[in-house]
Amino acid sequence: MTGFRLLWPLQTGRHCKFLDSMKTLHRKILEQLIAGSGEPLIVACIDRADWPVVLCNPAFDSIAGGQTAMGRPFADLVEQLVGRELAPGITETVRFGQATSIPVELSNREYLLVLEPMSLGKEKSTRYYAAYWRGGAGSAGAATDGEMHQALLKAKRRIRELSRDDPVTGLLNATAFREILAHDWAVAAREKTTLALVCFSVDDFDAYRDVFGRHSADSCLRRVGQEIRRCLRRASDVAARVNDHKLIVLSHVSEEEGVQEFAAKISTAVRDLVIHHPRSGVSRFVTVSFKTCLMQAGQGGASADDFLDKTLSD
């Protein structure tokens, strides 16, 4: 299935009826090929904000626990299957239109999850993504080759993570976050949907650092960052460190009340870490203040950077 493409020419004029019939034919052939594949396979449409699954095959049902995949958000489905630890890396790969292979384990069986971007005919932009799970090889020699291949994949993924992660918190760094925000902003602008940003600031963080020193302050910030990541509700939610003591979350929640509840839950979770803070003007323990900002993407000519700057402004 590697390199598989959807070839549906988009033209107008006297050949429309013929092309319409060809589109139907191509889809039927595509569905038969997918259904006949022994490898679990799904196809998601990524030019829509929720990345819905538009095609899947019976082999996928065997690893999905009988749950219906059609129409479900791709990010949610992947997180359910591979877990929260791997899901953010997979969704980031899809956001940037990359092709990759990632070793995963499902029901005590090893697979190689292969992600392939697909486009329609001569269109340059990626509109679809194919994800299929390849089973492990059978022979001893092949198994050794497979282990080496998986080790290389893990090393490549780790290098990519190191270049995009904040070394203190383990969250995305500011550059990577701006790239993801710009991508999601463009998708939301086409869909005329709303995005939400929540900026968290550690209260009296300079005072904490003065008392305990830089290393303890870094440890504190890392614990806060990991707690924020733990509270993220969907694989499409993204958390990052954008400056010294400010951490930010991008969410696709579109209601003000829902965003406020989400932010308050994180604030409570950080307080419940019970990290002692003798010089806090808020509490005996480390706490965070938060600011929320919702905006319909592209409204009034605003850009993703405008949205972020508005959220970070005091």
Protein backbone atom coordinates (compact mmCIF):
# COMPACT_ATOMS: atom_id res chain seq x y z
CA MET A 1 0.00 0.00 0.00
CA THR A 2 3.02 2.32 0.24
CA GLY A 3 2.80 5.23 -2.17
CA PHE A 4 -0.91 4.63 -2.72
CA ARG A 5 -2.69 7.65 -4.25
CA LEU A 6 -6.24 8.67 -5.02
CA LEU A 7 -6.39 9.68 -8.68
CA TRP A 8 -9.66 11.52 -9.17
CA PRO A 9 -9.13 14.21 -11.85
CA LEU A 10 -11.07 17.39 -11.17
CA GLN A 11 -12.26 19.01 -14.43
CA THR A 12 -15.31 20.73 -15.85
CA GLY A 13 -17.00 20.86 -19.25
CA ARG A 14 -18.50 18.23 -21.51
CA HIS A 15 -16.60 15.40 -19.82
CA CYS A 16 -18.22 16.00 -16.42
CA LYS A 17 -20.64 13.06 -16.63
CA PHE A 18 -17.87 10.75 -17.71
CA LEU A 19 -15.59 11.98 -14.95
CA ASP A 20 -18.36 11.65 -12.38
CA SER A 21 -18.80 8.02 -13.38
CA MET A 22 -15.04 7.50 -13.19
CA LYS A 23 -14.98 8.99 -9.69
CA THR A 24 -17.65 6.51 -8.63
CA LEU A 25 -15.76 3.68 -10.30
CA HIS A 26 -12.49 4.67 -8.67
CA ARG A 27 -14.12 4.82 -5.27
CA LYS A 28 -15.67 1.37 -5.73
CA ILE A 29 -12.34 -0.09 -6.81
CA LEU A 30 -10.62 1.64 -3.92
CA GLU A 31 -13.14 0.27 -1.43
CA GLN A 32 -12.69 -3.26 -2.81
CA LEU A 33 -8.90 -2.99 -2.56
CA ILE A 34 -9.12 -1.75 1.00
CA ALA A 35 -11.65 -4.40 2.00
CA GLY A 36 -9.46 -7.13 0.50
CA SER A 37 -6.29 -6.04 2.26
CA GLY A 38 -5.13 -8.29 5.08
CA GLU A 39 -3.53 -5.34 6.81
CA PRO A 40 -5.71 -3.18 9.08
CA LEU A 41 -6.22 0.06 7.19
CA ILE A 42 -8.09 3.34 7.58
CA VAL A 43 -8.18 6.52 5.50
CA ALA A 44 -8.85 9.91 7.10
CA CYS A 45 -9.80 13.21 5.49
CA ILE A 46 -7.46 15.81 7.01
CA ASP A 47 -8.71 18.96 5.31
CA ARG A 48 -11.53 18.96 7.86
CA ALA A 49 -10.91 20.09 11.41
CA ASP A 50 -11.84 16.78 13.09
CA TRP A 51 -9.95 14.52 10.61
CA PRO A 52 -12.85 12.06 10.16
CA VAL A 53 -12.20 8.48 9.06
CA VAL A 54 -13.79 8.08 5.60
CA LEU A 55 -12.73 4.52 4.73
CA CYS A 56 -11.71 1.45 6.69
CA ASN A 57 -11.49 -2.29 6.08
CA PRO A 58 -12.68 -5.41 7.94
CA ALA A 59 -9.13 -6.21 9.06
CA PHE A 60 -9.15 -2.99 11.06
CA ASP A 61 -12.17 -4.20 13.05
CA SER A 62 -10.02 -7.00 14.47
CA ILE A 63 -7.72 -4.52 16.22
CA ALA A 64 -10.37 -1.90 17.04
CA GLY A 65 -12.31 -4.13 19.40
CA GLY A 66 -15.41 -4.07 17.21
CA GLN A 67 -15.87 -0.30 17.57
CA THR A 68 -17.04 1.63 14.53
CA ALA A 69 -14.28 3.71 12.94
CA MET A 70 -16.21 5.42 10.15
CA GLY A 71 -16.76 9.09 10.85
CA ARG A 72 -14.74 9.11 14.07
CA PRO A 73 -11.95 11.70 14.54
CA PHE A 74 -8.67 10.15 13.46
CA ALA A 75 -6.73 11.59 16.41
CA ASP A 76 -9.16 10.11 18.95
CA LEU A 77 -9.08 6.72 17.27
CA VAL A 78 -5.29 6.59 17.18
CA GLU A 79 -5.01 7.62 20.82
CA GLN A 80 -7.41 4.86 21.81
CA LEU A 81 -5.32 2.27 19.97
CA VAL A 82 -1.72 3.30 20.66
CA GLY A 83 -2.05 5.27 23.89
CA ARG A 84 -1.48 8.90 24.86
CA GLU A 85 2.31 8.65 24.84
CA LEU A 86 2.60 7.93 21.11
CA ALA A 87 -0.54 9.73 19.90
CA PRO A 88 0.84 13.32 19.94
CA GLY A 89 3.79 12.32 17.73
CA ILE A 90 1.47 10.62 15.27
CA THR A 91 -0.92 13.56 15.03
CA GLU A 92 2.04 15.93 14.58
CA THR A 93 3.24 13.80 11.66
CA VAL A 94 -0.19 14.06 10.04
CA ARG A 95 -0.38 17.82 10.62
CA PHE A 96 2.80 18.38 8.65
CA GLY A 97 1.96 15.96 5.85
CA GLN A 98 4.84 13.59 6.55
CA ALA A 99 5.18 9.87 5.86
CA THR A 100 6.55 7.73 8.66
CA SER A 101 6.54 4.29 10.31
CA ILE A 102 6.17 3.83 14.06
CA PRO A 103 6.41 0.55 16.02
CA VAL A 104 3.35 -0.03 18.20
CA GLU A 105 1.94 -2.89 20.28
CA LEU A 106 -1.72 -3.91 20.21
CA SER A 107 -3.14 -6.83 22.19
CA ASN A 108 0.37 -8.15 22.92
CA ARG A 109 1.22 -8.17 19.22
CA GLU A 110 3.80 -5.93 17.54
CA TYR A 111 2.85 -3.87 14.50
CA LEU A 112 4.50 -1.26 12.35
CA LEU A 113 2.07 1.64 11.99
CA VAL A 114 2.65 3.15 8.54
CA LEU A 115 1.33 6.64 7.79
CA GLU A 116 1.07 7.78 4.17
CA PRO A 117 -0.16 11.20 2.94
CA MET A 118 -2.40 11.07 -0.13
CA SER A 119 -3.67 13.72 -2.54
CA LEU A 120 -6.18 14.02 -5.36
CA GLY A 121 -4.60 13.99 -8.79
CA LYS A 122 -2.43 17.05 -9.39
CA GLU A 123 -3.39 18.80 -6.17
CA LYS A 124 -0.30 19.66 -4.16
CA SER A 125 -1.97 19.83 -0.76
CA THR A 126 -2.53 16.66 1.22
CA ARG A 127 -6.22 15.93 1.72
CA TYR A 128 -6.18 12.34 2.94
CA TYR A 129 -4.03 10.10 5.11
CA ALA A 130 -3.77 6.33 5.01
CA ALA A 131 -2.79 4.53 8.21
CA TYR A 132 -2.18 0.81 8.17
CA TRP A 133 -0.78 -1.65 10.65
CA ARG A 134 1.75 -4.18 9.38
CA GLY A 135 2.25 -7.35 11.39
CA GLY A 136 5.70 -8.61 12.42
CA ALA A 137 7.72 -10.97 10.24
CA GLY A 138 7.80 -14.68 10.90
CA SER A 139 11.33 -15.97 10.30
CA ALA A 140 14.18 -15.49 12.76
CA GLY A 141 16.29 -13.58 10.24
CA ALA A 142 13.39 -11.35 9.29
CA ALA A 143 12.63 -10.78 12.96
CA THR A 144 16.20 -9.58 13.50
CA ASP A 145 15.90 -7.22 10.55
CA GLY A 146 12.57 -6.02 11.90
CA GLU A 147 14.07 -5.34 15.31
CA MET A 148 16.88 -3.33 13.73
CA HIS A 149 14.37 -1.41 11.62
CA GLN A 150 12.24 -0.61 14.66
CA ALA A 151 15.31 0.49 16.64
CA LEU A 152 16.21 2.91 13.83
CA LEU A 153 12.67 4.24 13.74
CA LYS A 154 12.69 4.84 17.49
CA ALA A 155 16.04 6.62 17.22
CA LYS A 156 14.78 8.84 14.40
CA ARG A 157 11.64 9.65 16.36
CA ARG A 158 13.69 10.49 19.44
CA ILE A 159 15.94 12.84 17.43
CA ARG A 160 12.84 14.57 16.05
CA GLU A 161 11.40 14.87 19.55
CA LEU A 162 14.60 16.38 20.91
CA SER A 163 14.59 19.06 18.22
CA ARG A 164 10.97 20.05 18.89
CA ASP A 165 10.61 19.59 22.64
CA ASP A 166 11.37 22.02 25.42
CA PRO A 167 14.22 20.36 27.37
CA VAL A 168 12.86 21.41 30.79
CA THR A 169 9.17 20.50 30.58
CA GLY A 170 9.14 17.89 27.82
CA LEU A 171 6.32 19.85 26.15
CA LEU A 172 6.67 21.35 22.68
CA ASN A 173 8.94 24.35 22.37
CA ALA A 174 7.69 27.73 21.16
CA THR A 175 8.82 27.26 17.54
CA ALA A 176 7.13 23.88 17.16
CA PHE A 177 3.97 25.20 18.80
CA ARG A 178 3.74 28.14 16.39
CA GLU A 179 4.02 25.74 13.45
CA ILE A 180 1.22 23.55 14.75
CA LEU A 181 -0.95 26.56 15.58
CA ALA A 182 -0.43 27.95 12.06
CA HIS A 183 -1.48 24.61 10.53
CA ASP A 184 -4.57 24.20 12.70
CA TRP A 185 -5.46 27.85 12.17
CA ALA A 186 -5.43 27.38 8.38
CA VAL A 187 -7.69 24.32 8.66
CA ALA A 188 -10.06 26.11 11.05
CA ALA A 189 -10.19 29.14 8.75
CA ARG A 190 -11.38 26.95 5.88
CA GLU A 191 -13.97 25.34 8.14
CA LYS A 192 -14.91 28.67 9.79
CA THR A 193 -14.48 27.10 13.21
CA THR A 194 -13.15 28.40 16.52
CA LEU A 195 -9.90 27.59 18.29
CA ALA A 196 -9.06 28.14 21.95
CA LEU A 197 -5.79 28.96 23.67
CA VAL A 198 -5.21 28.71 27.40
CA CYS A 199 -2.10 30.33 28.85
CA PHE A 200 -0.93 29.15 32.28
CA SER A 201 1.51 31.17 34.39
CA VAL A 202 3.15 29.75 37.50
CA ASP A 203 2.35 32.16 40.33
CA ASP A 204 5.36 33.88 41.90
CA PHE A 205 7.74 31.62 40.00
CA ASP A 206 10.73 33.96 40.38
CA ALA A 207 10.30 33.83 44.16
CA TYR A 208 10.22 30.02 44.03
CA ARG A 209 13.47 30.01 42.05
CA ASP A 210 15.10 32.45 44.49
CA VAL A 211 14.33 30.09 47.40
CA PHE A 212 15.11 26.70 45.88
CA GLY A 213 17.49 27.45 42.99
CA ARG A 214 17.36 26.90 39.25
CA HIS A 215 17.44 23.09 39.25
CA SER A 216 14.52 22.79 41.66
CA ALA A 217 12.64 25.44 39.70
CA ASP A 218 13.15 23.45 36.51
CA SER A 219 11.92 20.32 38.27
CA CYS A 220 8.84 22.20 39.47
CA LEU A 221 8.11 23.53 36.00
CA ARG A 222 8.49 20.05 34.54
CA ARG A 223 5.99 18.60 37.02
CA VAL A 224 3.53 21.36 36.19
CA GLY A 225 4.01 20.80 32.45
CA GLN A 226 3.51 17.04 32.72
CA GLU A 227 0.36 17.57 34.80
CA ILE A 228 -1.00 19.87 32.10
CA ARG A 229 -0.22 17.22 29.47
CA ARG A 230 -1.95 14.56 31.59
CA CYS A 231 -5.12 16.65 31.69
CA LEU A 232 -5.36 17.10 27.92
CA ARG A 233 -8.61 15.56 26.75
CA ARG A 234 -7.93 14.80 23.09
CA ALA A 235 -4.90 13.85 21.03
CA SER A 236 -5.50 16.99 18.97
CA ASP A 237 -4.90 19.17 22.07
CA VAL A 238 -1.32 20.47 22.21
CA ALA A 239 0.70 21.86 25.12
CA ALA A 240 3.92 23.90 24.92
CA ARG A 241 6.27 26.09 26.89
CA VAL A 242 6.40 29.52 25.28
CA ASN A 243 8.65 31.44 27.67
CA ASP A 244 10.24 31.28 31.13
CA HIS A 245 7.19 30.35 33.20
CA LYS A 246 4.28 30.40 30.74
CA LEU A 247 2.79 27.20 29.39
CA ILE A 248 0.09 27.19 26.73
CA VAL A 249 -2.52 24.75 25.47
CA LEU A 250 -4.18 24.73 22.05
CA SER A 251 -7.65 23.19 22.21
CA HIS A 252 -10.41 22.67 19.66
CA VAL A 253 -13.10 23.29 22.28
CA SER A 254 -15.31 26.02 20.82
CA GLU A 255 -17.47 27.04 23.81
CA GLU A 256 -16.26 29.58 26.38
CA GLU A 257 -17.78 27.64 29.26
CA GLY A 258 -16.05 24.43 28.19
CA VAL A 259 -12.67 26.16 27.91
CA GLN A 260 -13.05 27.75 31.34
CA GLU A 261 -13.92 24.39 32.92
CA PHE A 262 -10.96 22.77 31.15
CA ALA A 263 -8.56 25.47 32.41
CA ALA A 264 -9.96 25.35 35.95
CA LYS A 265 -9.52 21.57 36.05
CA ILE A 266 -5.85 21.93 35.14
CA SER A 267 -5.38 24.69 37.72
CA THR A 268 -6.82 22.43 40.42
CA ALA A 269 -4.67 19.50 39.30
CA VAL A 270 -1.51 21.62 39.61
CA ARG A 271 -2.53 22.77 43.08
CA ASP A 272 -3.10 19.14 44.05
CA LEU A 273 0.54 18.33 43.25
CA VAL A 274 1.22 19.93 46.66
CA ILE A 275 4.57 21.44 45.68
CA HIS A 276 5.61 23.58 48.65
CA HIS A 277 6.01 27.31 47.85
CA PRO A 278 6.94 29.34 50.96
CA ARG A 279 6.89 32.71 49.17
CA SER A 280 3.71 32.40 47.15
CA GLY A 281 1.23 35.21 47.57
CA VAL A 282 -1.58 32.84 46.54
CA SER A 283 -1.14 29.61 48.46
CA ARG A 284 1.31 27.51 50.46
CA PHE A 285 1.75 25.43 47.34
CA VAL A 286 2.60 26.05 43.69
CA THR A 287 -0.40 27.31 41.74
CA VAL A 288 -1.05 28.58 38.24
CA SER A 289 -3.14 31.46 36.95
CA PHE A 290 -4.70 31.15 33.53
CA LYS A 291 -6.02 33.27 30.70
CA THR A 292 -8.29 31.88 27.99
CA CYS A 293 -8.79 33.22 24.50
CA LEU A 294 -11.23 31.97 21.84
CA MET A 295 -11.24 33.19 18.26
CA GLN A 296 -12.86 32.17 14.99
CA ALA A 297 -9.93 31.48 12.72
CA GLY A 298 -9.33 34.15 10.10
CA GLN A 299 -12.09 36.43 11.34
CA GLY A 300 -11.30 40.08 10.66
CA GLY A 301 -8.08 39.13 8.89
CA ALA A 302 -6.43 37.92 12.11
CA SER A 303 -3.51 35.50 11.81
CA ALA A 304 -2.37 32.65 14.02
CA ASP A 305 0.41 34.87 15.38
CA ASP A 306 -2.14 37.58 16.23
CA PHE A 307 -4.16 34.99 18.13
CA LEU A 308 -1.13 33.80 20.09
CA ASP A 309 0.16 37.31 20.84
CA LYS A 310 -3.28 38.35 22.10
CA THR A 311 -3.33 35.36 24.46
CA LEU A 312 0.17 35.98 25.80
CA SER A 313 -0.30 39.71 26.35
CA ASP A 314 -0.74 40.73 29.99
